[in-house]
Protein backbone atom coordinates (compact mmCIF):
# COMPACT_ATOMS: atom_id res chain seq x y z
CA MET A 1 238.49 115.75 67.67
CA ASP A 2 235.51 114.51 69.63
CA TRP A 3 233.69 113.59 66.41
CA GLN A 4 236.41 111.05 65.67
CA ARG A 5 236.10 109.47 69.12
CA TYR A 6 232.31 109.34 68.82
CA THR A 7 232.55 107.91 65.36
CA LEU A 8 234.99 105.26 66.48
CA MET A 9 232.56 104.40 69.39
CA GLY A 10 229.69 104.22 67.04
CA GLY A 11 231.47 101.95 64.68
CA ILE A 12 232.56 99.55 67.62
CA ALA A 13 228.96 99.51 68.68
CA ALA A 14 227.58 98.57 65.29
CA VAL A 15 230.24 95.79 64.89
CA LEU A 16 229.29 94.32 68.30
CA LEU A 17 225.51 94.51 67.36
CA ALA A 18 226.19 92.70 64.07
CA LEU A 19 228.11 90.02 65.88
CA ALA A 20 225.26 89.61 68.39
CA PHE A 21 222.87 89.11 65.50
CA GLN A 22 225.16 86.47 64.06
CA TRP A 23 225.67 84.73 67.51
CA ASN A 24 222.04 84.71 67.93
CA ALA A 25 221.17 82.94 64.70
CA PHE A 26 224.10 80.50 65.14
CA LYS A 27 222.77 79.65 68.71
CA GLU A 28 219.20 78.99 67.44
CA GLN A 29 220.45 76.95 64.56
CA HIS A 30 222.57 74.79 66.89
CA THR A 31 220.05 74.27 69.77
CA PRO A 32 219.23 70.61 70.12
CA GLU A 33 215.66 69.37 69.79
CA VAL A 34 214.21 68.01 73.02
CA ASP A 35 213.98 64.13 72.84
CA ARG A 36 210.27 63.38 73.29
CA GLU A 37 210.43 59.59 72.94
CA THR A 38 209.87 57.84 76.13
CA ILE A 39 211.91 54.62 76.59
CA VAL A 40 211.34 52.34 79.46
CA HIS A 41 214.10 49.78 80.05
CA SER A 42 213.37 46.31 81.40
CA PRO A 43 214.43 46.01 85.03
CA GLY A 44 218.00 44.93 85.30
CA PRO A 45 220.20 44.58 88.52
CA ALA A 46 220.45 48.37 88.89
CA ASP A 47 216.67 48.89 88.45
CA SER A 48 215.62 46.01 90.91
CA GLN A 49 217.96 46.91 93.74
CA VAL A 50 216.26 48.52 96.76
CA ALA A 51 218.02 51.24 98.95
CA GLY A 52 218.38 50.81 102.70
CA ASP A 53 217.35 52.81 105.53
CA ASN A 54 220.20 51.48 107.53
CA ASN A 55 221.80 48.94 105.10
CA ASP A 56 221.78 51.21 101.96
CA SER A 57 223.96 50.11 99.03
CA GLU A 58 225.52 52.29 96.38
CA ASP A 59 223.51 50.41 93.64
CA SER A 60 220.18 50.67 95.40
CA ASP A 61 217.30 52.30 93.52
CA VAL A 62 214.53 52.76 96.19
CA PRO A 63 214.68 52.81 99.92
CA GLN A 64 214.23 49.80 102.20
CA LEU A 65 213.87 49.11 105.87
CA GLN A 66 215.68 46.79 108.12
CA SER A 67 212.73 44.49 108.20
CA GLN A 68 212.47 44.43 104.44
CA ALA A 69 211.56 40.93 103.10
CA PRO A 70 212.04 39.90 99.54
CA ALA A 71 208.89 40.61 97.31
CA THR A 72 207.51 37.34 95.89
CA THR A 73 204.06 38.34 94.32
CA GLY A 74 203.51 40.33 91.27
CA VAL A 75 207.23 40.36 90.21
CA ASP A 76 207.91 38.63 86.77
CA GLY A 77 210.02 39.24 83.69
CA THR A 78 206.95 40.49 81.49
CA GLU A 79 206.38 44.00 80.53
CA ARG A 80 203.12 45.71 79.68
CA GLU A 81 202.23 48.80 77.64
CA LEU A 82 202.51 52.12 79.31
CA ILE A 83 199.28 53.73 80.78
CA GLN A 84 198.36 56.96 78.99
CA VAL A 85 196.63 59.58 81.22
CA THR A 86 195.14 62.80 79.65
CA THR A 87 193.76 65.59 81.62
CA ASP A 88 193.41 69.26 81.00
CA VAL A 89 196.77 69.94 82.26
CA PHE A 90 198.69 66.57 81.66
CA ASP A 91 199.75 64.20 79.11
CA LEU A 92 201.13 61.54 81.45
CA LEU A 93 202.68 58.03 81.19
CA ILE A 94 202.57 55.60 83.96
CA ASN A 95 204.67 52.34 83.94
CA PRO A 96 202.91 49.26 85.19
CA ARG A 97 206.15 48.08 86.52
CA GLY A 98 206.26 49.73 89.87
CA GLY A 99 203.51 52.05 88.94
CA ASP A 100 206.05 54.91 88.37
CA ILE A 101 205.45 58.10 86.54
CA VAL A 102 207.80 58.10 83.51
CA LYS A 103 206.57 61.04 81.61
CA VAL A 104 204.79 64.40 82.35
CA ALA A 105 203.98 66.91 79.70
CA LEU A 106 202.30 70.14 80.78
CA ARG A 107 199.57 70.84 78.25
CA LYS A 108 199.20 74.43 79.08
CA PHE A 109 202.93 75.27 78.51
CA GLU A 110 204.53 75.11 75.02
CA GLN A 111 208.11 73.67 74.75
CA LYS A 112 208.85 76.48 72.53
CA GLN A 113 206.55 79.38 71.70
CA GLY A 114 204.47 78.84 68.74
CA THR A 115 204.39 75.07 69.06
CA PRO A 116 201.04 74.14 70.65
CA ASP A 117 201.31 70.58 69.43
CA GLN A 118 204.46 70.17 71.47
CA PRO A 119 203.76 70.70 75.34
CA LEU A 120 206.65 71.19 77.61
CA ILE A 121 208.01 67.95 78.89
CA LEU A 122 208.91 68.15 82.52
CA LEU A 123 209.45 64.44 83.26
CA ASN A 124 210.76 61.82 80.88
CA GLN A 125 212.91 58.79 80.47
CA THR A 126 214.68 58.79 77.05
CA ARG A 127 217.78 57.50 75.42
CA TYR A 128 219.72 60.45 76.93
CA HIS A 129 217.83 61.66 79.92
CA THR A 130 216.19 60.29 83.01
CA TYR A 131 213.80 62.30 85.19
CA ILE A 132 211.07 60.09 86.76
CA ALA A 133 208.89 59.72 89.80
CA GLN A 134 208.89 56.57 91.68
CA SER A 135 206.84 55.38 94.57
CA GLY A 136 206.24 51.99 96.37
CA LEU A 137 205.89 50.07 99.53
CA ILE A 138 208.75 48.91 101.73
CA GLY A 139 209.06 46.95 104.75
CA GLN A 140 207.64 43.67 106.14
CA ASN A 141 204.88 43.19 103.58
CA GLY A 142 206.41 45.73 101.17
CA THR A 143 205.78 45.23 97.43
CA ASP A 144 209.18 46.71 96.36
CA SER A 145 212.44 44.98 97.39
CA ALA A 146 215.83 43.77 96.34
CA ALA A 147 213.99 41.13 94.22
CA GLY A 148 212.33 43.67 92.13
CA ARG A 149 209.45 46.04 91.45
CA PRO A 150 205.86 44.78 91.28
CA LEU A 151 203.97 44.51 87.97
CA PHE A 152 200.55 45.93 88.46
CA LYS A 153 197.48 45.02 86.40
CA MET A 154 195.10 47.74 85.08
CA ALA A 155 191.54 47.83 83.45
CA LYS A 156 192.77 49.64 80.41
CA ASN A 157 195.79 51.45 78.96
CA ASN A 158 194.14 54.90 78.30
CA TYR A 159 192.52 57.20 80.77
CA ALA A 160 191.17 60.72 79.95
CA LEU A 161 189.50 63.44 81.96
CA ALA A 162 186.04 63.86 80.28
CA GLU A 163 184.35 67.24 79.53
CA GLY A 164 182.66 68.39 82.71
CA GLN A 165 184.46 65.74 84.85
CA GLU A 166 186.22 67.12 87.85
CA ALA A 167 188.34 64.36 88.91
CA LEU A 168 189.95 61.26 87.14
CA ILE A 169 191.08 58.07 89.05
CA VAL A 170 193.26 55.61 87.72
CA ASP A 171 193.60 52.27 89.58
CA LEU A 172 196.37 49.77 89.29
CA THR A 173 195.94 46.43 91.16
CA LEU A 174 198.18 43.90 92.66
CA GLN A 175 197.43 40.66 94.47
CA GLN A 176 199.76 39.86 97.15
CA GLU A 177 199.62 36.83 99.37
CA GLY A 178 197.24 37.70 102.13
CA ALA A 179 196.29 41.25 100.77
CA ASN A 180 194.88 42.96 97.77
CA ILE A 181 196.55 46.18 96.90
CA THR A 182 195.30 49.08 94.72
CA LYS A 183 197.60 51.85 93.68
CA ARG A 184 195.40 54.81 93.00
CA PHE A 185 196.23 58.06 91.08
CA THR A 186 193.86 60.85 91.45
CA PHE A 187 193.96 63.82 89.09
CA LYS A 188 191.80 66.93 89.43
CA ARG A 189 190.76 69.36 86.89
CA GLY A 190 193.06 72.35 86.61
CA ASP A 191 195.44 71.08 89.29
CA TYR A 192 199.10 69.94 89.00
CA LEU A 193 198.90 68.01 92.14
CA ILE A 194 198.35 64.39 91.96
CA GLN A 195 197.15 62.20 94.91
CA VAL A 196 198.93 58.87 95.09
CA ALA A 197 197.38 56.36 97.56
CA TYR A 198 197.81 52.60 98.28
CA LEU A 199 194.61 51.12 99.31
CA VAL A 200 195.32 47.80 101.16
CA ASP A 201 192.70 45.14 101.90
CA ASN A 202 194.27 42.82 104.44
CA THR A 203 192.52 39.53 103.84
CA SER A 204 194.86 37.42 106.10
CA ASP A 205 194.71 36.69 109.74
CA LYS A 206 197.87 38.58 110.51
CA PRO A 207 198.67 42.32 110.56
CA TRP A 208 200.05 43.79 107.45
CA SER A 209 202.82 46.29 107.79
CA ALA A 210 204.67 48.48 105.29
CA ALA A 211 205.94 52.09 104.77
CA MET A 212 205.41 54.16 101.66
CA PHE A 213 208.30 55.83 99.79
CA GLY A 214 208.37 58.50 97.02
CA GLN A 215 211.18 59.67 95.10
CA ILE A 216 212.45 61.59 92.11
CA LYS A 217 215.16 60.10 90.11
CA ARG A 218 217.04 62.25 87.68
CA ASP A 219 220.26 62.93 85.83
CA SER A 220 222.18 66.16 86.20
CA SER A 221 221.63 67.38 82.61
CA GLU A 222 220.30 70.90 82.24
CA PRO A 223 216.97 71.45 80.61
CA PRO A 224 216.37 73.62 77.60
CA THR A 225 216.05 77.23 78.52
CA ASP A 226 215.47 80.66 76.83
CA MET A 227 217.43 82.38 79.38
CA GLY A 228 219.95 84.85 78.06
CA PHE A 229 223.62 85.39 78.72
CA GLY A 230 224.72 85.76 82.42
CA MET A 231 221.49 84.17 83.60
CA SER A 232 221.96 80.93 85.86
CA PRO A 233 218.67 79.73 87.60
CA PHE A 234 219.12 77.23 90.33
CA LEU A 235 218.91 73.56 89.16
CA GLY A 236 218.93 70.79 91.85
CA ALA A 237 217.09 69.54 94.76
CA ALA A 238 215.40 71.31 97.75
CA LEU A 239 213.71 70.20 100.88
CA ARG A 240 212.63 71.55 104.20
CA THR A 241 214.82 70.63 107.32
CA PRO A 242 214.56 71.09 111.05
CA GLU A 243 217.10 74.01 110.72
CA GLU A 244 215.98 75.58 107.38
CA ASN A 245 212.68 76.12 105.83
CA TYR A 246 214.39 75.95 102.40
CA PHE A 247 217.51 73.86 101.99
CA LYS A 248 218.87 73.42 98.48
CA GLN A 249 221.61 71.49 97.04
CA ASP A 250 222.79 71.36 93.30
CA PHE A 251 224.04 68.08 91.88
CA GLU A 252 227.64 68.63 92.63
CA GLU A 253 226.78 69.35 96.29
CA ILE A 254 224.77 66.21 96.51
CA ALA A 255 227.55 64.15 95.11
CA GLU A 256 230.02 65.60 97.55
CA LYS A 257 227.91 65.59 100.67
CA PRO A 258 224.49 63.45 100.65
CA THR A 259 221.84 64.74 102.74
CA ARG A 260 219.44 62.90 105.17
CA GLU A 261 217.05 64.51 107.44
CA THR A 262 214.01 63.50 109.46
CA ILE A 263 211.23 66.07 110.12
CA GLU A 264 207.39 66.12 110.76
CA GLY A 265 205.75 66.75 107.51
CA GLY A 266 208.13 68.32 105.02
CA TRP A 267 208.63 67.92 101.27
CA VAL A 268 211.44 67.23 98.72
CA ALA A 269 211.50 68.98 95.26
CA MET A 270 213.48 69.04 92.02
CA VAL A 271 213.74 72.52 91.14
CA GLN A 272 214.54 74.23 87.71
CA HIS A 273 213.69 77.47 86.13
CA TYR A 274 210.00 78.07 86.20
CA PHE A 275 208.98 74.50 87.02
CA LEU A 276 209.41 71.93 89.75
CA SER A 277 208.29 68.56 90.78
CA ALA A 278 207.86 67.55 94.38
CA TRP A 279 206.83 64.86 96.71
CA ILE A 280 204.81 65.86 99.74
CA PRO A 281 204.29 62.96 102.29
CA PRO A 282 201.63 62.81 105.08
CA GLN A 283 202.19 66.10 106.95
CA ASP A 284 201.04 64.67 110.28
CA ALA A 285 203.87 62.04 110.45
CA ARG A 286 207.69 62.23 110.84
CA ASN A 287 209.19 61.40 107.46
CA THR A 288 212.77 60.82 106.50
CA PHE A 289 214.16 62.53 103.38
CA GLU A 290 217.17 61.77 101.36
CA LEU A 291 219.36 63.44 98.62
CA LYS A 292 222.03 61.07 97.27
CA GLU A 293 223.90 60.24 94.08
CA LEU A 294 223.54 56.59 93.01
CA SER A 295 226.34 54.67 91.52
CA ASP A 296 225.01 54.87 87.94
CA GLY A 297 225.27 58.62 88.13
CA LEU A 298 221.60 59.31 88.68
CA PHE A 299 220.49 61.35 91.69
CA ARG A 300 217.66 60.20 94.21
CA MET A 301 215.57 62.69 95.89
CA GLY A 302 212.91 61.15 97.99
CA PHE A 303 211.11 60.35 101.35
CA THR A 304 210.28 57.47 103.42
CA ALA A 305 207.06 57.62 105.55
CA PRO A 306 206.69 55.75 108.83
CA GLN A 307 205.39 52.11 108.69
CA VAL A 308 201.73 51.68 108.80
CA GLN A 309 200.21 48.58 110.35
CA ILE A 310 196.86 47.22 109.10
CA PRO A 311 195.17 44.69 111.49
CA ALA A 312 193.95 41.27 110.02
CA ALA A 313 190.80 41.38 107.92
CA THR A 314 190.79 45.22 107.63
CA GLN A 315 191.42 47.84 105.11
CA GLY A 316 193.88 50.71 105.33
CA GLU A 317 195.57 53.42 103.19
CA LEU A 318 199.02 54.86 102.72
CA SER A 319 199.24 58.05 100.64
CA ALA A 320 201.27 61.02 99.45
CA SER A 321 201.03 63.83 96.87
CA PHE A 322 203.22 64.62 93.89
CA TYR A 323 203.26 67.87 92.34
CA ALA A 324 204.59 68.36 88.67
CA GLY A 325 204.06 71.80 87.22
CA PRO A 326 204.80 75.57 87.20
CA LYS A 327 206.25 77.49 90.20
CA ASP A 328 202.84 78.99 91.10
CA VAL A 329 203.49 80.75 94.31
CA TYR A 330 199.74 80.95 95.40
CA ARG A 331 199.15 77.09 94.63
CA LEU A 332 202.42 76.05 96.35
CA GLU A 333 201.66 78.02 99.48
CA LYS A 334 198.45 75.83 100.00
CA ILE A 335 200.22 72.53 99.35
CA SER A 336 202.64 72.50 102.17
CA PRO A 337 204.31 75.17 104.40
CA TYR A 338 207.36 76.83 102.75
CA LEU A 339 207.03 74.91 99.49
CA ASP A 340 206.60 78.33 97.87
CA LEU A 341 210.21 79.02 98.75
CA THR A 342 211.14 76.85 95.75
CA VAL A 343 210.26 80.05 93.88
CA ASP A 344 213.80 81.32 94.59
CA TYR A 345 214.05 85.04 94.90
CA GLY A 346 217.42 84.83 96.61
CA TRP A 347 218.32 86.30 99.95
CA LEU A 348 216.14 89.45 99.21
CA TRP A 349 212.99 87.37 98.93
CA TRP A 350 211.49 89.34 101.69
CA ILE A 351 211.35 92.25 99.28
CA ALA A 352 210.66 90.40 96.12
CA LYS A 353 207.78 88.47 97.32
CA PRO A 354 205.65 91.67 97.99
CA LEU A 355 206.75 92.97 94.74
CA PHE A 356 205.50 89.91 92.94
CA ARG A 357 202.09 90.35 94.72
CA VAL A 358 201.86 94.04 93.64
CA LEU A 359 202.78 92.84 89.95
CA HIS A 360 200.12 90.16 89.98
CA PHE A 361 197.45 92.43 91.36
CA ILE A 362 198.32 95.00 88.64
CA GLN A 363 198.03 92.33 85.90
CA ALA A 364 194.98 90.80 87.35
CA HIS A 365 193.03 93.92 88.18
CA ILE A 366 194.32 96.91 86.30
CA VAL A 367 195.80 95.69 83.03
CA SER A 368 195.72 92.29 81.21
CA ASN A 369 199.34 92.40 80.06
CA TRP A 370 202.41 91.56 81.90
CA GLY A 371 204.36 94.11 79.96
CA TRP A 372 202.19 97.11 80.89
CA ALA A 373 202.11 95.59 84.48
CA ILE A 374 205.89 95.81 84.70
CA ILE A 375 205.71 99.41 83.62
CA LEU A 376 203.11 100.30 86.11
CA LEU A 377 205.17 98.43 88.76
CA THR A 378 208.08 100.47 87.92
CA VAL A 379 205.99 103.64 88.45
CA PHE A 380 204.72 102.17 91.84
CA ILE A 381 208.44 101.43 92.96
CA LYS A 382 209.72 104.98 91.78
CA THR A 383 206.90 106.57 93.58
CA LEU A 384 207.63 104.76 96.92
CA LEU A 385 211.30 105.67 96.54
CA LEU A 386 210.67 109.29 95.35
CA PRO A 387 211.95 111.02 98.55
CA LEU A 388 215.14 109.11 98.44
CA SER A 389 215.79 109.41 94.66
CA ALA A 390 214.55 113.16 94.77
CA ALA A 391 217.33 113.80 97.38
CA GLY A 392 219.96 112.42 95.36
CA THR A 393 218.75 114.17 92.14
CA LYS A 394 218.79 117.48 93.87
CA SER A 395 222.23 116.92 95.16
CA MET A 396 223.45 116.06 91.66
CA ALA A 397 221.60 119.01 90.14
CA ARG A 398 223.15 121.52 92.53
CA MET A 399 226.60 120.00 91.57
CA ARG A 400 225.86 120.39 88.00
CA LYS A 401 224.73 124.08 88.54
CA PHE A 402 228.10 124.97 90.15
CA ALA A 403 230.15 122.89 87.84
CA PRO A 404 231.65 125.98 86.02
CA GLN A 405 232.84 127.26 89.48
CA MET A 406 234.37 123.91 90.35
CA LYS A 407 236.18 123.93 86.94
CA LYS A 408 237.52 127.31 87.63
CA LEU A 409 238.85 126.25 91.04
CA GLN A 410 240.62 123.20 89.41
CA GLU A 411 242.29 125.50 86.92
CA GLN A 412 243.28 128.10 89.37
CA TYR A 413 244.81 125.60 91.95
CA LYS A 414 245.91 122.88 89.54
CA ASP A 415 249.22 123.05 91.07
CA ASN A 416 248.25 122.97 94.73
CA ARG A 417 246.02 120.06 95.62
CA GLN A 418 245.57 120.87 99.27
CA LYS A 419 244.55 124.50 98.51
CA LEU A 420 242.08 123.00 95.87
CA ALA A 421 240.53 120.84 98.47
CA GLU A 422 240.14 123.67 100.97
CA GLU A 423 238.42 125.84 98.37
CA THR A 424 236.23 123.07 97.14
CA MET A 425 234.93 122.43 100.59
CA LYS A 426 234.38 126.20 101.09
CA LEU A 427 232.21 126.21 97.98
CA TYR A 428 230.26 123.07 99.17
CA ARG A 429 229.57 124.61 102.45
CA ARG A 430 228.58 127.98 100.93
CA GLU A 431 226.37 126.67 98.40
CA LYS A 432 225.03 123.78 100.64
CA ILE A 433 226.22 121.05 98.37
CA ASN A 434 226.71 117.59 99.60
CA PRO A 435 228.94 115.65 97.30
CA MET A 436 227.87 112.35 98.85
CA GLY A 437 224.13 113.24 98.71
CA GLY A 438 223.49 111.34 95.61
CA CYS A 439 225.30 108.26 96.71
CA LEU A 440 223.35 107.22 99.73
CA PRO A 441 219.86 107.23 98.07
CA ILE A 442 221.16 105.13 95.26
CA LEU A 443 222.69 102.53 97.82
CA LEU A 444 219.31 102.37 99.67
CA GLN A 445 217.48 101.65 96.33
CA MET A 446 219.97 98.94 95.17
CA PRO A 447 218.23 96.12 97.29
CA VAL A 448 214.87 96.91 95.64
CA PHE A 449 216.44 96.95 92.22
CA ILE A 450 218.17 93.47 92.95
CA ALA A 451 215.08 91.88 94.35
CA LEU A 452 212.90 93.09 91.45
CA TYR A 453 215.48 91.59 89.03
CA TRP A 454 215.17 88.12 90.67
CA MET A 455 211.45 88.52 90.94
CA LEU A 456 211.08 89.07 87.39
CA THR A 457 213.56 86.28 86.55
CA GLU A 458 211.53 83.63 88.62
CA THR A 459 208.06 84.68 87.59
CA VAL A 460 206.75 81.77 85.34
CA GLU A 461 203.70 83.83 84.28
CA LEU A 462 206.16 85.93 82.18
CA ARG A 463 207.16 82.82 80.19
CA HIS A 464 205.96 83.29 76.56
CA ALA A 465 203.85 86.25 77.74
CA PRO A 466 203.59 88.91 75.06
CA TRP A 467 203.72 92.58 75.39
CA ILE A 468 203.30 94.52 72.11
CA PHE A 469 204.50 94.55 68.57
CA TRP A 470 207.62 92.21 68.11
CA ILE A 471 207.82 91.32 71.84
CA HIS A 472 205.94 88.01 72.02
CA ASP A 473 207.92 86.62 74.97
CA LEU A 474 208.90 88.79 77.93
CA SER A 475 211.06 85.93 79.43
CA ALA A 476 213.21 85.64 76.26
CA LYS A 477 215.54 88.23 74.71
CA ASP A 478 214.43 90.80 72.37
CA PRO A 479 214.83 88.91 68.96
CA TYR A 480 215.79 92.16 67.13
CA PHE A 481 217.63 93.77 70.20
CA ILE A 482 215.58 96.94 69.79
CA LEU A 483 214.79 97.24 73.66
CA PRO A 484 218.52 97.01 74.76
CA VAL A 485 219.53 99.63 72.29
CA LEU A 486 216.75 101.90 73.66
CA MET A 487 217.77 101.00 77.14
CA GLY A 488 221.44 102.22 76.30
CA ALA A 489 220.18 105.23 74.64
CA SER A 490 218.23 106.21 77.62
CA MET A 491 221.05 105.54 79.85
CA TRP A 492 223.26 107.89 77.69
CA PHE A 493 220.78 110.68 77.78
CA MET A 494 220.37 110.32 81.45
CA GLN A 495 224.10 110.80 81.85
CA LYS A 496 223.84 114.03 79.94
CA LEU A 497 221.45 115.49 82.46
CA ASN A 498 224.03 114.84 85.47
CA PRO A 499 227.43 116.64 85.91
CA ALA A 500 230.40 114.85 84.35
CA PRO A 501 232.99 113.38 86.80
CA ALA A 502 235.98 115.79 87.33
CA ASP A 503 238.56 113.04 86.71
CA PRO A 504 239.01 112.80 82.85
CA THR A 505 239.66 108.94 83.00
CA GLN A 506 236.44 108.48 85.16
CA ALA A 507 234.52 110.55 82.63
CA ARG A 508 235.55 108.45 79.71
CA ILE A 509 234.54 105.36 81.52
CA MET A 510 231.21 106.82 82.18
CA GLN A 511 230.88 107.62 78.51
CA LEU A 512 231.38 103.98 77.65
CA MET A 513 228.96 102.68 80.25
CA PRO A 514 225.84 102.94 78.05
CA VAL A 515 227.52 100.91 75.30
CA MET A 516 228.86 98.35 77.72
CA MET A 517 225.42 98.04 79.38
CA THR A 518 223.60 97.76 76.03
CA ILE A 519 225.99 94.78 75.15
CA PHE A 520 225.32 93.09 78.49
CA PHE A 521 221.49 93.44 78.08
CA LEU A 522 221.35 92.11 74.55
CA TRP A 523 220.67 88.56 75.99
CA PHE A 524 218.57 89.67 79.00
CA PRO A 525 214.96 88.70 79.04
CA ALA A 526 212.73 91.42 77.56
CA GLY A 527 210.76 91.92 80.63
CA LEU A 528 213.94 92.87 82.54
CA VAL A 529 215.09 95.21 79.86
CA LEU A 530 211.62 96.84 79.63
CA TYR A 531 211.82 97.48 83.44
CA TRP A 532 215.21 99.23 83.12
CA ILE A 533 213.91 101.32 80.24
CA ALA A 534 210.88 102.32 82.21
CA ASN A 535 213.08 103.16 85.25
CA ASN A 536 215.44 105.24 83.09
CA LEU A 537 212.61 107.20 81.57
CA ILE A 538 211.07 107.95 84.76
CA THR A 539 214.52 108.96 86.22
CA ILE A 540 215.16 111.34 82.99
CA ALA A 541 211.85 113.02 83.57
CA GLN A 542 212.49 113.50 87.33
CA THR A 543 215.97 114.72 86.84
CA TRP A 544 214.95 117.15 84.13
CA TYR A 545 212.35 118.64 86.23
CA ILE A 546 214.63 119.02 89.36
CA ASN A 547 217.41 120.62 87.31
CA LYS A 548 214.91 123.20 85.99
CA GLN A 549 213.83 123.97 89.57
CA VAL A 550 217.49 124.26 90.77
CA ASP A 551 218.48 126.40 87.77
CA ALA A 552 215.48 128.82 88.70
CA GLY A 553 216.63 128.97 92.17
CA LYS A 554 213.41 127.31 93.40
CA ILE A 555 215.35 124.50 95.16
């Protein structure tokens, strides 16, 4: 009656696959569109409040020092048109009120594949979403205080990086009593790092003193994602602390336990799948970092630098850097120590990071396709682990060869379990079979497999990267579920090359495993499924060869 069981299993698999197609279509039809319209609210009580370094309040919006004095210059009730900045990598909006970055669209990344006219929006302030980058000056001569944010002047409302131009400078100006202040944004071609500097011309006969702050203000909403079922990339804040090079908190953890740290250099970042934004203050100063929930439900992730004093009748500068872009390991390494750890490979990062470098080398120097690079990386890993995997495969092959003798012993001593165990051990010793020989190599390989899983999940280069035929995005699920079905088929065939478990219940569970794994992999990114297929096919070839050698008595 085996044919009935297999027919039933096939019918169940067909129904589940049909349900998967229906769910896929339903999910795509009901995925909300990204709100692209930027709305900047006029400053109200919550917007004009200023946070304290020691006298902070729940309604505060930006940090302040004990010596903070009310800002009286440049603060009024009028609003001006947003400043538009266009470079080869950014479409960006700056609010003259405070000089805050209220929108960042990444021109080299599409919001959805096949929509080149809709770049991915990383930062934005809309009706339903707040994610902005703020910066200002606080302290004795600070421009930002409980009285409000300053309103800067600008020469024009539109700036664009011209062809052949390597850098674009956008200056906002503010006249303060006794000082002329220029807030300067510097954009460089091909770079997602923005330099933000305050150029202060102290025209008074007294020293000018203030500290610079920078912060990311965001709600807790999750960004749109193409990740499949079961995938949950980290979403939240991260920074470097004196105790940890990479300390992270999701929004629930920040709400429960705010964080405040002081460290030389450092950085603070807002991390999401594939992308991040980060403030990097001066690396030669002791900066204070804070992660906190505000009373309006928004979260503040920022830094406050030490105060800078500019003598009378002299000029000075306060500066920091702001990054808004992809999790590019190589670029983040150069910006600040340990900022590259925001590419979160989990606790097996020490394995995943070298694997990424090998994958990147293969794609850059051997093949120009990330799909083929994944396959070649799989071959590379299987070659490194060949001694381990071969030992396990040989052990399984010897057990398969002597399976008939094992079955005969089970039938002969089915009523005497003690005698069966004794005779089984004699057979193992006589034929040099190690029943655990296939387990240890697999256990030793598991850390590599887990590290590779997270490495492929975190690699932004795979986003919207095509392979061949119908696979146009290795970071998204196979739209026709062909790769998961092939993965399940390869797993089923791989099982047939190995001896079946002696326990009938365990054997039936193993028969169902390919079906269950196929269902599980339906929503996995195509790049991960491709890796498993390549791994299974290599294992099948290796197992078939070793089985032949064992059957021929050569091993």
